[in-house]
C-alpha atoms as a PDB file:
ATOM      1  CA  MET A   1     122.922 116.431 118.349  1.00  0.00           C
ATOM      2  CA  THR A   2     122.859 119.368 115.949  1.00  0.00           C
ATOM      3  CA  GLU A   3     120.035 121.833 115.434  1.00  0.00           C
ATOM      4  CA  THR A   4     119.003 123.913 112.421  1.00  0.00           C
ATOM      5  CA  VAL A   5     116.390 126.687 112.578  1.00  0.00           C
ATOM      6  CA  ILE A   6     114.426 127.890 109.552  1.00  0.00           C
ATOM      7  CA  SER A   7     111.340 130.045 109.095  1.00  0.00           C
ATOM      8  CA  ALA A   8     108.563 129.518 106.564  1.00  0.00           C
ATOM      9  CA  PRO A   9     108.311 131.869 103.578  1.00  0.00           C
ATOM     10  CA  ALA A  10     105.203 133.962 103.054  1.00  0.00           C
ATOM     11  CA  ALA A  11     102.505 132.286 100.960  1.00  0.00           C
ATOM     12  CA  ASP A  12     101.692 133.516  97.454  1.00  0.00           C
ATOM     13  CA  THR A  13      98.051 134.504  97.848  1.00  0.00           C
ATOM     14  CA  ASP A  14      97.559 135.247  94.121  1.00  0.00           C
ATOM     15  CA  GLU A  15      97.947 131.619  93.015  1.00  0.00           C
ATOM     16  CA  TYR A  16      95.121 129.084  93.306  1.00  0.00           C
ATOM     17  CA  ARG A  17      96.494 126.280  95.432  1.00  0.00           C
ATOM     18  CA  SER A  18      95.500 122.640  95.482  1.00  0.00           C
ATOM     19  CA  ILE A  19      97.099 119.309  96.275  1.00  0.00           C
ATOM     20  CA  TRP A  20      97.055 118.865  92.488  1.00  0.00           C
ATOM     21  CA  SER A  21      99.449 121.780  92.202  1.00  0.00           C
ATOM     22  CA  HIS A  22     101.995 119.319  93.592  1.00  0.00           C
ATOM     23  CA  LEU A  23     100.820 116.208  91.729  1.00  0.00           C
ATOM     24  CA  ARG A  24      99.856 117.389  88.245  1.00  0.00           C
ATOM     25  CA  GLU A  25     103.285 116.788  86.679  1.00  0.00           C
ATOM     26  CA  LEU A  26     104.237 113.801  88.815  1.00  0.00           C
ATOM     27  CA  GLU A  27     104.220 110.272  87.461  1.00  0.00           C
ATOM     28  CA  PHE A  28     102.690 108.162  90.205  1.00  0.00           C
ATOM     29  CA  ARG A  29     100.416 105.169  90.745  1.00  0.00           C
ATOM     30  CA  GLN A  30      97.579 104.845  93.230  1.00  0.00           C
ATOM     31  CA  GLY A  31      96.060 101.499  94.044  1.00  0.00           C
ATOM     32  CA  PHE A  32      94.859  99.044  96.649  1.00  0.00           C
ATOM     33  CA  VAL A  33      96.665  95.932  97.822  1.00  0.00           C
ATOM     34  CA  ASP A  34      95.712  93.204 100.287  1.00  0.00           C
ATOM     35  CA  ILE A  35      98.053  93.329 103.280  1.00  0.00           C
ATOM     36  CA  GLY A  36      97.204  90.624 105.806  1.00  0.00           C
ATOM     37  CA  GLY A  37      93.544  90.782 104.873  1.00  0.00           C
ATOM     38  CA  VAL A  38      93.398  94.590 105.008  1.00  0.00           C
ATOM     39  CA  ARG A  39      92.639  96.326 101.715  1.00  0.00           C
ATOM     40  CA  THR A  40      95.316  98.980 101.862  1.00  0.00           C
ATOM     41  CA  ARG A  41      95.328 102.141  99.754  1.00  0.00           C
ATOM     42  CA  PHE A  42      98.744 103.242  98.555  1.00  0.00           C
ATOM     43  CA  VAL A  43     100.527 105.671  96.287  1.00  0.00           C
ATOM     44  CA  GLU A  44     103.833 104.831  94.619  1.00  0.00           C
ATOM     45  CA  ALA A  45     106.238 107.245  92.934  1.00  0.00           C
ATOM     46  CA  GLY A  46     109.815 106.820  91.764  1.00  0.00           C
ATOM     47  CA  SER A  47     111.584 103.883  90.168  1.00  0.00           C
ATOM     48  CA  PRO A  48     111.534 100.624  92.202  1.00  0.00           C
ATOM     49  CA  ASP A  49     115.255 100.180  91.549  1.00  0.00           C
ATOM     50  CA  LYS A  50     116.025 103.272  93.644  1.00  0.00           C
ATOM     51  CA  PRO A  51     116.449 103.204  97.447  1.00  0.00           C
ATOM     52  CA  HIS A  52     113.081 102.791  99.116  1.00  0.00           C
ATOM     53  CA  ALA A  53     111.240 105.295 101.307  1.00  0.00           C
ATOM     54  CA  ILE A  54     108.026 104.662 103.242  1.00  0.00           C
ATOM     55  CA  LEU A  55     105.912 107.696 104.194  1.00  0.00           C
ATOM     56  CA  LEU A  56     103.440 107.412 107.085  1.00  0.00           C
ATOM     57  CA  HIS A  57     100.699 109.891 108.016  1.00  0.00           C
ATOM     58  CA  GLY A  58      99.184 110.808 111.387  1.00  0.00           C
ATOM     59  CA  THR A  59      95.959 109.823 113.174  1.00  0.00           C
ATOM     60  CA  GLY A  60      92.975 109.845 110.833  1.00  0.00           C
ATOM     61  CA  GLY A  61      95.223 110.693 107.893  1.00  0.00           C
ATOM     62  CA  HIS A  62      95.791 109.525 104.330  1.00  0.00           C
ATOM     63  CA  TRP A  63      98.599 109.547 101.801  1.00  0.00           C
ATOM     64  CA  GLU A  64      97.729 112.968 100.371  1.00  0.00           C
ATOM     65  CA  THR A  65      99.464 114.623 103.312  1.00  0.00           C
ATOM     66  CA  PHE A  66     102.641 113.842 101.333  1.00  0.00           C
ATOM     67  CA  ALA A  67     101.424 115.380  98.062  1.00  0.00           C
ATOM     68  CA  PRO A  68     103.977 118.249  98.283  1.00  0.00           C
ATOM     69  CA  ASN A  69     106.846 115.842  98.975  1.00  0.00           C
ATOM     70  CA  LEU A  70     106.396 112.940  96.550  1.00  0.00           C
ATOM     71  CA  GLY A  71     107.717 114.790  93.500  1.00  0.00           C
ATOM     72  CA  PRO A  72     111.070 115.934  94.932  1.00  0.00           C
ATOM     73  CA  LEU A  73     111.631 112.755  96.969  1.00  0.00           C
ATOM     74  CA  SER A  74     110.802 110.379  94.120  1.00  0.00           C
ATOM     75  CA  GLU A  75     113.563 111.818  91.951  1.00  0.00           C
ATOM     76  CA  ASP A  76     116.038 109.930  94.156  1.00  0.00           C
ATOM     77  CA  TYR A  77     113.858 107.400  95.994  1.00  0.00           C
ATOM     78  CA  HIS A  78     111.183 104.802  95.394  1.00  0.00           C
ATOM     79  CA  CYS A  79     108.422 106.283  97.561  1.00  0.00           C
ATOM     80  CA  VAL A  80     105.421 104.413  98.913  1.00  0.00           C
ATOM     81  CA  ALA A  81     102.868 106.165 101.103  1.00  0.00           C
ATOM     82  CA  ILE A  82      99.802 104.360 102.427  1.00  0.00           C
ATOM     83  CA  ASP A  83      96.557 104.920 104.257  1.00  0.00           C
ATOM     84  CA  MET A  84      97.312 102.939 107.405  1.00  0.00           C
ATOM     85  CA  VAL A  85      94.790 100.384 108.633  1.00  0.00           C
ATOM     86  CA  GLY A  86      91.632 102.089 109.918  1.00  0.00           C
ATOM     87  CA  ASN A  87      92.606 105.375 108.263  1.00  0.00           C
ATOM     88  CA  GLY A  88      91.740 107.124 105.023  1.00  0.00           C
ATOM     89  CA  PHE A  89      90.231 104.822 102.409  1.00  0.00           C
ATOM     90  CA  SER A  90      91.894 101.629 103.641  1.00  0.00           C
ATOM     91  CA  ASP A  91      89.889  98.888 105.343  1.00  0.00           C
ATOM     92  CA  LYS A  92      88.686  99.539 108.878  1.00  0.00           C
ATOM     93  CA  PRO A  93      88.392  96.135 110.569  1.00  0.00           C
ATOM     94  CA  ASP A  94      86.567  95.619 113.847  1.00  0.00           C
ATOM     95  CA  TYR A  95      89.465  95.692 116.304  1.00  0.00           C
ATOM     96  CA  ASP A  96      91.597  98.340 117.986  1.00  0.00           C
ATOM     97  CA  TYR A  97      94.440  99.876 116.003  1.00  0.00           C
ATOM     98  CA  GLU A  98      97.371  99.805 118.377  1.00  0.00           C
ATOM     99  CA  ILE A  99     101.017 100.266 117.392  1.00  0.00           C
ATOM    100  CA  ALA A 100     101.678  96.544 116.835  1.00  0.00           C
ATOM    101  CA  VAL A 101      98.798  96.480 114.322  1.00  0.00           C
ATOM    102  CA  TYR A 102     100.353  99.306 112.319  1.00  0.00           C
ATOM    103  CA  VAL A 103     103.844  97.781 112.491  1.00  0.00           C
ATOM    104  CA  LYS A 104     102.544  94.461 111.167  1.00  0.00           C
ATOM    105  CA  GLN A 105     100.852  96.261 108.271  1.00  0.00           C
ATOM    106  CA  ILE A 106     103.991  98.215 107.353  1.00  0.00           C
ATOM    107  CA  LEU A 107     106.136  95.077 107.360  1.00  0.00           C
ATOM    108  CA  GLY A 108     103.547  93.534 105.029  1.00  0.00           C
ATOM    109  CA  VAL A 109     103.770  96.560 102.746  1.00  0.00           C
ATOM    110  CA  MET A 110     107.545  96.160 102.642  1.00  0.00           C
ATOM    111  CA  GLU A 111     107.171  92.505 101.705  1.00  0.00           C
ATOM    112  CA  HIS A 112     104.661  93.325  98.967  1.00  0.00           C
ATOM    113  CA  PHE A 113     106.930  95.927  97.381  1.00  0.00           C
ATOM    114  CA  GLY A 114     110.082  93.846  97.798  1.00  0.00           C
ATOM    115  CA  MET A 115     111.764  96.158 100.290  1.00  0.00           C
ATOM    116  CA  GLU A 116     114.444  94.535 102.410  1.00  0.00           C
ATOM    117  CA  LYS A 117     114.974  97.889 104.117  1.00  0.00           C
ATOM    118  CA  ALA A 118     113.766 101.452 103.645  1.00  0.00           C
ATOM    119  CA  HIS A 119     114.029 105.014 104.820  1.00  0.00           C
ATOM    120  CA  PHE A 120     111.063 105.942 107.026  1.00  0.00           C
ATOM    121  CA  ILE A 121     109.419 109.367 106.963  1.00  0.00           C
ATOM    122  CA  GLY A 122     106.673 109.568 109.576  1.00  0.00           C
ATOM    123  CA  MET A 123     104.477 112.327 110.954  1.00  0.00           C
ATOM    124  CA  SER A 124     102.912 112.189 114.455  1.00  0.00           C
ATOM    125  CA  LEU A 125     101.368 108.678 114.660  1.00  0.00           C
ATOM    126  CA  GLY A 126     103.438 107.789 111.600  1.00  0.00           C
ATOM    127  CA  ALA A 127     106.582 108.901 113.451  1.00  0.00           C
ATOM    128  CA  TRP A 128     105.558 106.726 116.402  1.00  0.00           C
ATOM    129  CA  VAL A 129     105.139 103.703 114.105  1.00  0.00           C
ATOM    130  CA  SER A 130     108.436 104.480 112.331  1.00  0.00           C
ATOM    131  CA  ALA A 131     110.250 104.658 115.664  1.00  0.00           C
ATOM    132  CA  ALA A 132     108.668 101.368 116.790  1.00  0.00           C
ATOM    133  CA  ILE A 133     109.935  99.675 113.626  1.00  0.00           C
ATOM    134  CA  ALA A 134     113.396 101.190 114.157  1.00  0.00           C
ATOM    135  CA  VAL A 135     113.391  99.774 117.704  1.00  0.00           C
ATOM    136  CA  GLU A 136     111.936  96.351 116.930  1.00  0.00           C
ATOM    137  CA  HIS A 137     113.232  95.709 113.404  1.00  0.00           C
ATOM    138  CA  PRO A 138     116.452  97.722 113.067  1.00  0.00           C
ATOM    139  CA  LYS A 139     117.693  95.746 110.054  1.00  0.00           C
ATOM    140  CA  ARG A 140     114.651  96.910 108.052  1.00  0.00           C
ATOM    141  CA  VAL A 141     115.439 100.596 108.601  1.00  0.00           C
ATOM    142  CA  ASP A 142     117.981 102.781 106.799  1.00  0.00           C
ATOM    143  CA  LYS A 143     117.375 106.395 107.932  1.00  0.00           C
ATOM    144  CA  VAL A 144     114.440 107.937 109.783  1.00  0.00           C
ATOM    145  CA  ILE A 145     112.733 111.322 109.620  1.00  0.00           C
ATOM    146  CA  LEU A 146     110.378 111.942 112.536  1.00  0.00           C
ATOM    147  CA  MET A 147     108.015 114.912 112.223  1.00  0.00           C
ATOM    148  CA  SER A 148     105.960 116.168 115.185  1.00  0.00           C
ATOM    149  CA  PRO A 149     106.647 112.806 116.829  1.00  0.00           C
ATOM    150  CA  ALA A 150     104.321 111.030 119.224  1.00  0.00           C
ATOM    151  CA  GLY A 151     105.052 107.926 121.259  1.00  0.00           C
ATOM    152  CA  LEU A 152     107.104 109.093 124.254  1.00  0.00           C
ATOM    153  CA  ILE A 153     104.690 111.033 126.454  1.00  0.00           C
ATOM    154  CA  ALA A 154     100.951 111.603 126.561  1.00  0.00           C
ATOM    155  CA  THR A 155      99.103 114.377 128.377  1.00  0.00           C
ATOM    156  CA  ALA A 156      95.479 113.904 129.347  1.00  0.00           C
ATOM    157  CA  SER A 157      94.540 117.301 127.904  1.00  0.00           C
ATOM    158  CA  ASN A 158      95.985 116.577 124.467  1.00  0.00           C
ATOM    159  CA  MET A 159      94.385 113.128 124.297  1.00  0.00           C
ATOM    160  CA  ALA A 160      91.022 114.592 125.310  1.00  0.00           C
ATOM    161  CA  ARG A 161      91.307 117.352 122.702  1.00  0.00           C
ATOM    162  CA  ILE A 162      92.109 114.932 119.884  1.00  0.00           C
ATOM    163  CA  ARG A 163      89.316 112.558 120.863  1.00  0.00           C
ATOM    164  CA  ALA A 164      86.749 115.373 121.150  1.00  0.00           C
ATOM    165  CA  GLU A 165      87.694 117.070 117.862  1.00  0.00           C
ATOM    166  CA  ARG A 166      87.850 113.889 115.808  1.00  0.00           C
ATOM    167  CA  THR A 167      84.654 112.429 117.271  1.00  0.00           C
ATOM    168  CA  GLU A 168      82.769 115.670 116.621  1.00  0.00           C
ATOM    169  CA  ALA A 169      84.096 115.833 113.059  1.00  0.00           C
ATOM    170  CA  VAL A 170      83.084 112.239 112.317  1.00  0.00           C
ATOM    171  CA  ASN A 171      79.627 112.608 113.888  1.00  0.00           C
ATOM    172  CA  ASN A 172      79.095 115.967 112.190  1.00  0.00           C
ATOM    173  CA  PRO A 173      81.477 116.214 109.199  1.00  0.00           C
ATOM    174  CA  SER A 174      80.670 119.830 108.414  1.00  0.00           C
ATOM    175  CA  TRP A 175      83.133 122.281 106.918  1.00  0.00           C
ATOM    176  CA  GLU A 176      83.305 124.052 110.288  1.00  0.00           C
ATOM    177  CA  SER A 177      84.130 120.927 112.321  1.00  0.00           C
ATOM    178  CA  LEU A 178      86.825 119.940 109.818  1.00  0.00           C
ATOM    179  CA  HIS A 179      88.336 123.417 110.081  1.00  0.00           C
ATOM    180  CA  LYS A 180      88.696 122.878 113.847  1.00  0.00           C
ATOM    181  CA  VAL A 181      90.718 119.724 113.146  1.00  0.00           C
ATOM    182  CA  PHE A 182      92.959 121.420 110.606  1.00  0.00           C
ATOM    183  CA  ALA A 183      93.520 124.470 112.804  1.00  0.00           C
ATOM    184  CA  HIS A 184      95.678 122.220 115.000  1.00  0.00           C
ATOM    185  CA  LEU A 185      97.444 120.651 112.017  1.00  0.00           C
ATOM    186  CA  ILE A 186      98.341 123.673 109.859  1.00  0.00           C
ATOM    187  CA  ALA A 187      99.200 127.092 111.321  1.00  0.00           C
ATOM    188  CA  ASP A 188      98.587 129.342 108.306  1.00  0.00           C
ATOM    189  CA  GLU A 189      94.953 129.198 107.220  1.00  0.00           C
ATOM    190  CA  SER A 190      95.970 129.796 103.598  1.00  0.00           C
ATOM    191  CA  ASN A 191      97.741 126.408 103.736  1.00  0.00           C
ATOM    192  CA  ARG A 192      94.535 124.595 104.750  1.00  0.00           C
ATOM    193  CA  LEU A 193      93.697 123.807 101.153  1.00  0.00           C
ATOM    194  CA  PRO A 194      89.988 123.359 100.361  1.00  0.00           C
ATOM    195  CA  ASP A 195      90.405 120.112  98.458  1.00  0.00           C
ATOM    196  CA  LEU A 196      92.440 118.694 101.355  1.00  0.00           C
ATOM    197  CA  ILE A 197      89.622 119.503 103.779  1.00  0.00           C
ATOM    198  CA  ALA A 198      87.067 118.101 101.322  1.00  0.00           C
ATOM    199  CA  LEU A 199      89.068 114.869 101.113  1.00  0.00           C
ATOM    200  CA  ARG A 200      89.056 114.481 104.903  1.00  0.00           C
ATOM    201  CA  GLN A 201      85.358 115.312 104.912  1.00  0.00           C
ATOM    202  CA  ALA A 202      84.691 112.484 102.438  1.00  0.00           C
ATOM    203  CA  ILE A 203      86.555 110.067 104.702  1.00  0.00           C
ATOM    204  CA  TYR A 204      84.652 111.187 107.788  1.00  0.00           C
ATOM    205  CA  ARG A 205      81.324 110.808 105.982  1.00  0.00           C
ATOM    206  CA  ARG A 206      81.963 107.101 105.350  1.00  0.00           C
ATOM    207  CA  ASP A 207      79.893 104.646 107.351  1.00  0.00           C
ATOM    208  CA  ASP A 208      82.961 102.543 108.165  1.00  0.00           C
ATOM    209  CA  THR A 209      84.756 105.585 109.580  1.00  0.00           C
ATOM    210  CA  ARG A 210      81.818 106.344 111.850  1.00  0.00           C
ATOM    211  CA  THR A 211      81.494 102.764 113.115  1.00  0.00           C
ATOM    212  CA  THR A 212      85.222 102.318 113.816  1.00  0.00           C
ATOM    213  CA  ILE A 213      86.192 105.741 115.180  1.00  0.00           C
ATOM    214  CA  ASP A 214      86.683 104.297 118.689  1.00  0.00           C
ATOM    215  CA  HIS A 215      89.129 101.731 117.262  1.00  0.00           C
ATOM    216  CA  LEU A 216      91.046 104.561 115.571  1.00  0.00           C
ATOM    217  CA  LEU A 217      91.132 106.685 118.723  1.00  0.00           C
ATOM    218  CA  ILE A 218      92.177 103.864 121.064  1.00  0.00           C
ATOM    219  CA  LEU A 219      95.606 105.484 121.477  1.00  0.00           C
ATOM    220  CA  GLN A 220      93.898 108.537 122.970  1.00  0.00           C
ATOM    221  CA  GLU A 221      92.804 106.428 125.968  1.00  0.00           C
ATOM    222  CA  ALA A 222      95.252 106.535 128.861  1.00  0.00           C
ATOM    223  CA  GLU A 223      95.561 102.785 129.520  1.00  0.00           C
ATOM    224  CA  ALA A 224      96.058 101.896 125.856  1.00  0.00           C
ATOM    225  CA  ARG A 225      98.378 104.829 125.294  1.00  0.00           C
ATOM    226  CA  ASP A 226     100.576 103.837 128.235  1.00  0.00           C
ATOM    227  CA  ARG A 227     101.049 100.266 127.046  1.00  0.00           C
ATOM    228  CA  ASN A 228     101.988 101.480 123.553  1.00  0.00           C
ATOM    229  CA  LEU A 229     104.394 104.295 124.463  1.00  0.00           C
ATOM    230  CA  ILE A 230     108.064 103.699 123.671  1.00  0.00           C
ATOM    231  CA  PRO A 231     110.094 104.123 126.886  1.00  0.00           C
ATOM    232  CA  GLU A 232     113.184 106.314 126.906  1.00  0.00           C
ATOM    233  CA  GLU A 233     115.556 103.358 127.064  1.00  0.00           C
ATOM    234  CA  LYS A 234     114.041 101.969 123.844  1.00  0.00           C
ATOM    235  CA  TRP A 235     114.343 105.287 121.992  1.00  0.00           C
ATOM    236  CA  ALA A 236     118.013 105.202 122.958  1.00  0.00           C
ATOM    237  CA  THR A 237     118.457 101.895 121.071  1.00  0.00           C
ATOM    238  CA  ILE A 238     117.549 103.392 117.695  1.00  0.00           C
ATOM    239  CA  ALA A 239     120.712 103.014 115.643  1.00  0.00           C
ATOM    240  CA  ALA A 240     119.440 104.523 112.392  1.00  0.00           C
ATOM    241  CA  PRO A 241     120.540 108.086 111.579  1.00  0.00           C
ATOM    242  CA  THR A 242     117.550 110.214 112.490  1.00  0.00           C
ATOM    243  CA  MET A 243     116.329 113.703 111.664  1.00  0.00           C
ATOM    244  CA  VAL A 244     113.695 115.010 114.070  1.00  0.00           C
ATOM    245  CA  VAL A 245     111.547 117.865 112.792  1.00  0.00           C
ATOM    246  CA  ALA A 246     110.335 120.185 115.556  1.00  0.00           C
ATOM    247  CA  SER A 247     107.487 122.512 114.582  1.00  0.00           C
ATOM    248  CA  GLY A 248     107.566 125.835 116.399  1.00  0.00           C
ATOM    249  CA  LYS A 249     103.794 126.394 116.467  1.00  0.00           C
ATOM    250  CA  ASP A 250     102.834 122.815 117.297  1.00  0.00           C
ATOM    251  CA  ASP A 251     101.278 121.680 120.575  1.00  0.00           C
ATOM    252  CA  GLY A 252     103.824 121.762 123.387  1.00  0.00           C
ATOM    253  CA  GLU A 253     103.640 117.981 123.868  1.00  0.00           C
ATOM    254  CA  TYR A 254     104.986 117.377 120.366  1.00  0.00           C
ATOM    255  CA  GLN A 255     107.650 120.050 120.649  1.00  0.00           C
ATOM    256  CA  SER A 256     108.873 118.510 123.903  1.00  0.00           C
ATOM    257  CA  THR A 257     108.837 115.016 122.438  1.00  0.00           C
ATOM    258  CA  ALA A 258     110.835 116.145 119.401  1.00  0.00           C
ATOM    259  CA  HIS A 259     113.665 117.559 121.485  1.00  0.00           C
ATOM    260  CA  ILE A 260     113.679 114.779 124.075  1.00  0.00           C
ATOM    261  CA  VAL A 261     113.811 111.908 121.573  1.00  0.00           C
ATOM    262  CA  ALA A 262     116.479 113.735 119.563  1.00  0.00           C
ATOM    263  CA  GLY A 263     118.545 113.759 122.723  1.00  0.00           C
ATOM    264  CA  LEU A 264     117.894 110.071 123.373  1.00  0.00           C
ATOM    265  CA  ILE A 265     118.630 108.716 119.886  1.00  0.00           C
ATOM    266  CA  PRO A 266     122.418 108.447 119.569  1.00  0.00           C
ATOM    267  CA  ASN A 267     122.724 109.578 115.946  1.00  0.00           C
ATOM    268  CA  ALA A 268     120.011 112.251 115.774  1.00  0.00           C
ATOM    269  CA  GLU A 269     119.715 115.867 114.727  1.00  0.00           C
ATOM    270  CA  VAL A 270     116.936 118.428 115.054  1.00  0.00           C
ATOM    271  CA  PHE A 271     115.542 120.409 112.139  1.00  0.00           C
ATOM    272  CA  GLN A 272     113.584 123.284 113.643  1.00  0.00           C
ATOM    273  CA  MET A 273     110.771 124.782 111.540  1.00  0.00           C
ATOM    274  CA  ALA A 274     109.633 127.815 113.488  1.00  0.00           C
ATOM    275  CA  ALA A 275     106.492 128.943 111.647  1.00  0.00           C
ATOM    276  CA  VAL A 276     104.573 125.692 111.111  1.00  0.00           C
ATOM    277  CA  ARG A 277     102.314 123.481 113.200  1.00  0.00           C
ATOM    278  CA  HIS A 278     101.711 119.708 113.107  1.00  0.00           C
ATOM    279  CA  TRP A 279     102.194 119.094 109.351  1.00  0.00           C
ATOM    280  CA  PRO A 280     105.580 120.747 108.662  1.00  0.00           C
ATOM    281  CA  HIS A 281     106.199 118.811 105.438  1.00  0.00           C
ATOM    282  CA  PHE A 282     102.856 119.924 104.014  1.00  0.00           C
ATOM    283  CA  GLU A 283     102.822 123.479 105.282  1.00  0.00           C
ATOM    284  CA  ASP A 284     106.340 124.384 104.180  1.00  0.00           C
ATOM    285  CA  PRO A 285     107.606 121.878 101.599  1.00  0.00           C
ATOM    286  CA  ALA A 286     110.025 124.499 100.230  1.00  0.00           C
ATOM    287  CA  ALA A 287     111.981 124.162 103.483  1.00  0.00           C
ATOM    288  CA  PHE A 288     111.261 120.538 104.329  1.00  0.00           C
ATOM    289  CA  ASN A 289     112.011 118.858 100.983  1.00  0.00           C
ATOM    290  CA  PRO A 290     115.594 120.132 100.544  1.00  0.00           C
ATOM    291  CA  ALA A 291     116.402 119.382 104.196  1.00  0.00           C
ATOM    292  CA  ALA A 292     115.008 115.865 103.934  1.00  0.00           C
ATOM    293  CA  LEU A 293     116.883 115.158 100.707  1.00  0.00           C
ATOM    294  CA  GLU A 294     120.148 116.514 102.079  1.00  0.00           C
ATOM    295  CA  PHE A 295     119.771 114.280 105.148  1.00  0.00           C
ATOM    296  CA  LEU A 296     118.840 111.147 103.176  1.00  0.00           C
ATOM    297  CA  ARG A 297     121.628 111.618 100.602  1.00  0.00           C
ATOM    298  CA  ARG A 298     124.471 111.744 103.143  1.00  0.00           C
END
């Protein structure tokens, strides 16, 4: 296991910043596709004849978390990012969204886009799902990038915090309640872009989000979490080359998980980003993108 440490550069406060700053010159396609009866929102960038990469967000997320990464990554890779079932603007059916549900959806996405195998880039819940696919379907996985990974341990305090913050934000989707959510996702307030917060606010104002929030937060309940966690011996079976991104300002649970799973996965390395929180790829794409590309190109 190797480890690289890098610090985030200071933000340019004179420039107006938006997710469109990253997307305005990118050729991409957004759409919806039926995956196993779930209307699934996706974004696609890069030529389909290039190696494939699937990008997976965290709990309550949406594909725009990868807005700063799609341009650089799609120069070499056919990138598909989705709103996972129950998240974003995808369908929110009336059942609990446990890891097997997400895995089934991702395999359906791969079938739809003709992907025999793909690189997986996952953040938090998305890292958990990526790791589950690497464990259960190793032939479908090329390389893996796990950012702020979940899926090994679960502390009662962290689960309670996530449930309380997300429930409050959905029941009262004010600017202030959304800021509380993003304070745990992005360390530097200048990186909590207004249109990103407004996008999450629009999702939380939806009736289907409000009526299915308990399904989305099922993994924050101890019994459900325990039956979905990947045990250490299963992490150790991941054969795919893996880069684990450890965020220096993230919650301690995620920092611990990053280093432990990197030690368990036989062919893993740690990329340490000292000055970011839970969304390292979004908060410091200038550091993340080159590191990810260097890893994937090897």
